[in-house]
C-alpha atoms as a PDB file:
ATOM      1  CA  MET A   1      70.778  39.790 121.975  1.00  0.00           C
ATOM      2  CA  GLU A   2      72.882  40.727 118.988  1.00  0.00           C
ATOM      3  CA  ILE A   3      75.856  43.024 118.426  1.00  0.00           C
ATOM      4  CA  VAL A   4      75.753  45.494 115.527  1.00  0.00           C
ATOM      5  CA  VAL A   5      78.827  47.587 114.691  1.00  0.00           C
ATOM      6  CA  SER A   6      78.501  50.459 112.222  1.00  0.00           C
ATOM      7  CA  VAL A   7      79.928  53.760 111.102  1.00  0.00           C
ATOM      8  CA  VAL A   8      77.375  56.582 110.999  1.00  0.00           C
ATOM      9  CA  ASP A   9      77.915  59.761 108.973  1.00  0.00           C
ATOM     10  CA  VAL A  10      75.655  62.750 109.631  1.00  0.00           C
ATOM     11  CA  GLN A  11      76.184  65.445 107.006  1.00  0.00           C
ATOM     12  CA  PRO A  12      76.161  69.172 107.864  1.00  0.00           C
ATOM     13  CA  GLY A  13      72.592  70.472 108.099  1.00  0.00           C
ATOM     14  CA  ASN A  14      71.130  67.007 108.701  1.00  0.00           C
ATOM     15  CA  ASN A  15      69.298  65.954 111.850  1.00  0.00           C
ATOM     16  CA  LEU A  16      69.655  62.891 114.020  1.00  0.00           C
ATOM     17  CA  ILE A  17      66.151  62.416 115.419  1.00  0.00           C
ATOM     18  CA  ARG A  18      65.543  61.899 119.118  1.00  0.00           C
ATOM     19  CA  HIS A  19      65.296  58.123 119.536  1.00  0.00           C
ATOM     20  CA  THR A  20      65.816  55.090 121.777  1.00  0.00           C
ATOM     21  CA  HIS A  21      67.319  51.600 121.395  1.00  0.00           C
ATOM     22  CA  HIS A  22      66.250  48.171 122.646  1.00  0.00           C
ATOM     23  CA  GLY A  23      69.607  47.751 124.353  1.00  0.00           C
ATOM     24  CA  GLU A  24      72.857  49.627 124.840  1.00  0.00           C
ATOM     25  CA  GLU A  25      74.772  51.794 122.363  1.00  0.00           C
ATOM     26  CA  ALA A  26      78.430  52.777 122.676  1.00  0.00           C
ATOM     27  CA  VAL A  27      79.577  55.689 120.489  1.00  0.00           C
ATOM     28  CA  TYR A  28      83.118  56.776 119.587  1.00  0.00           C
ATOM     29  CA  VAL A  29      83.528  59.956 117.503  1.00  0.00           C
ATOM     30  CA  LEU A  30      85.852  59.335 114.546  1.00  0.00           C
ATOM     31  CA  GLU A  31      85.461  62.847 113.100  1.00  0.00           C
ATOM     32  CA  GLY A  32      83.976  65.527 115.300  1.00  0.00           C
ATOM     33  CA  ALA A  33      81.543  68.297 114.460  1.00  0.00           C
ATOM     34  CA  THR A  34      79.449  71.001 116.087  1.00  0.00           C
ATOM     35  CA  LEU A  35      75.944  70.023 117.181  1.00  0.00           C
ATOM     36  CA  ALA A  36      72.973  72.401 117.210  1.00  0.00           C
ATOM     37  CA  LEU A  37      70.624  71.408 120.032  1.00  0.00           C
ATOM     38  CA  PRO A  38      66.834  71.913 119.916  1.00  0.00           C
ATOM     39  CA  ASP A  39      67.159  75.037 122.106  1.00  0.00           C
ATOM     40  CA  GLY A  40      69.522  76.598 119.529  1.00  0.00           C
ATOM     41  CA  LYS A  41      72.662  76.149 121.617  1.00  0.00           C
ATOM     42  CA  GLU A  42      75.690  74.857 119.686  1.00  0.00           C
ATOM     43  CA  VAL A  43      78.100  72.438 121.362  1.00  0.00           C
ATOM     44  CA  PRO A  44      81.216  70.654 120.127  1.00  0.00           C
ATOM     45  CA  PHE A  45      81.214  66.853 119.784  1.00  0.00           C
ATOM     46  CA  PRO A  46      84.968  66.424 119.247  1.00  0.00           C
ATOM     47  CA  THR A  47      87.000  63.670 117.643  1.00  0.00           C
ATOM     48  CA  GLY A  48      87.833  61.069 120.297  1.00  0.00           C
ATOM     49  CA  ALA A  49      84.738  61.712 122.419  1.00  0.00           C
ATOM     50  CA  ALA A  50      82.893  58.626 123.622  1.00  0.00           C
ATOM     51  CA  THR A  51      79.509  58.053 125.200  1.00  0.00           C
ATOM     52  CA  ILE A  52      77.134  55.249 126.130  1.00  0.00           C
ATOM     53  CA  ASN A  53      73.392  55.474 125.548  1.00  0.00           C
ATOM     54  CA  ILE A  54      71.424  53.137 127.789  1.00  0.00           C
ATOM     55  CA  ARG A  55      68.351  51.091 126.989  1.00  0.00           C
ATOM     56  CA  ASP A  56      65.111  53.024 126.363  1.00  0.00           C
ATOM     57  CA  VAL A  57      66.565  56.449 127.300  1.00  0.00           C
ATOM     58  CA  PRO A  58      65.921  59.058 124.551  1.00  0.00           C
ATOM     59  CA  HIS A  59      68.983  60.659 122.969  1.00  0.00           C
ATOM     60  CA  GLY A  60      69.905  62.417 119.730  1.00  0.00           C
ATOM     61  CA  GLY A  61      67.611  65.193 118.620  1.00  0.00           C
ATOM     62  CA  PHE A  62      70.335  67.426 117.244  1.00  0.00           C
ATOM     63  CA  LYS A  63      71.386  68.908 113.909  1.00  0.00           C
ATOM     64  CA  VAL A  64      74.965  69.005 112.628  1.00  0.00           C
ATOM     65  CA  ALA A  65      75.970  72.680 112.396  1.00  0.00           C
ATOM     66  CA  GLY A  66      78.831  74.142 110.388  1.00  0.00           C
ATOM     67  CA  ASP A  67      80.523  72.461 107.474  1.00  0.00           C
ATOM     68  CA  LYS A  68      81.985  69.267 109.005  1.00  0.00           C
ATOM     69  CA  THR A  69      80.389  65.827 108.749  1.00  0.00           C
ATOM     70  CA  LEU A  70      79.982  63.997 112.065  1.00  0.00           C
ATOM     71  CA  LYS A  71      81.408  60.472 111.766  1.00  0.00           C
ATOM     72  CA  MET A  72      80.782  58.004 114.604  1.00  0.00           C
ATOM     73  CA  LEU A  73      81.623  54.370 115.259  1.00  0.00           C
ATOM     74  CA  THR A  74      78.642  52.790 117.026  1.00  0.00           C
ATOM     75  CA  VAL A  75      78.369  49.443 118.791  1.00  0.00           C
ATOM     76  CA  HIS A  76      74.839  48.332 119.649  1.00  0.00           C
ATOM     77  CA  ILE A  77      74.084  45.393 121.937  1.00  0.00           C
ATOM     78  CA  VAL A  78      70.366  45.088 121.379  1.00  0.00           C
ATOM     79  CA  ASP A  79      67.444  42.678 121.550  1.00  0.00           C
ATOM     80  CA  LYS A  80      67.555  40.372 118.535  1.00  0.00           C
ATOM     81  CA  GLY A  81      64.612  40.781 116.167  1.00  0.00           C
ATOM     82  CA  LYS A  82      63.578  44.237 117.383  1.00  0.00           C
ATOM     83  CA  PRO A  83      64.070  47.473 115.392  1.00  0.00           C
ATOM     84  CA  MET A  84      67.535  49.027 115.751  1.00  0.00           C
ATOM     85  CA  MET A  85      65.978  52.286 116.869  1.00  0.00           C
ATOM     86  CA  GLU A  86      62.580  53.756 117.687  1.00  0.00           C
ATOM     87  CA  PRO A  87      61.609  57.440 117.500  1.00  0.00           C
ATOM     88  CA  ALA A  88      61.358  58.851 121.048  1.00  0.00           C
ATOM     89  CA  LYS A  89      57.870  59.346 122.402  1.00  0.00           C
END
């Protein structure tokens, strides 16, 4: 296993594809934004929100709506030597 800490910026209008990880991912929102879901519904992802994405469970698949960049601190505890993420099947 290895631990990878990063800051991810998703600009307005950009997508975060639906994907999985070979391990766990903890997310803390540094700067919130509005997310447009595949069904067209828009939901807030506010500053200070936190979530955990578990191994091999698809997540993401949204677009950043509005004019604010989504900025997240992510901590991945994943299998060493495997890709950080895989597109969801």
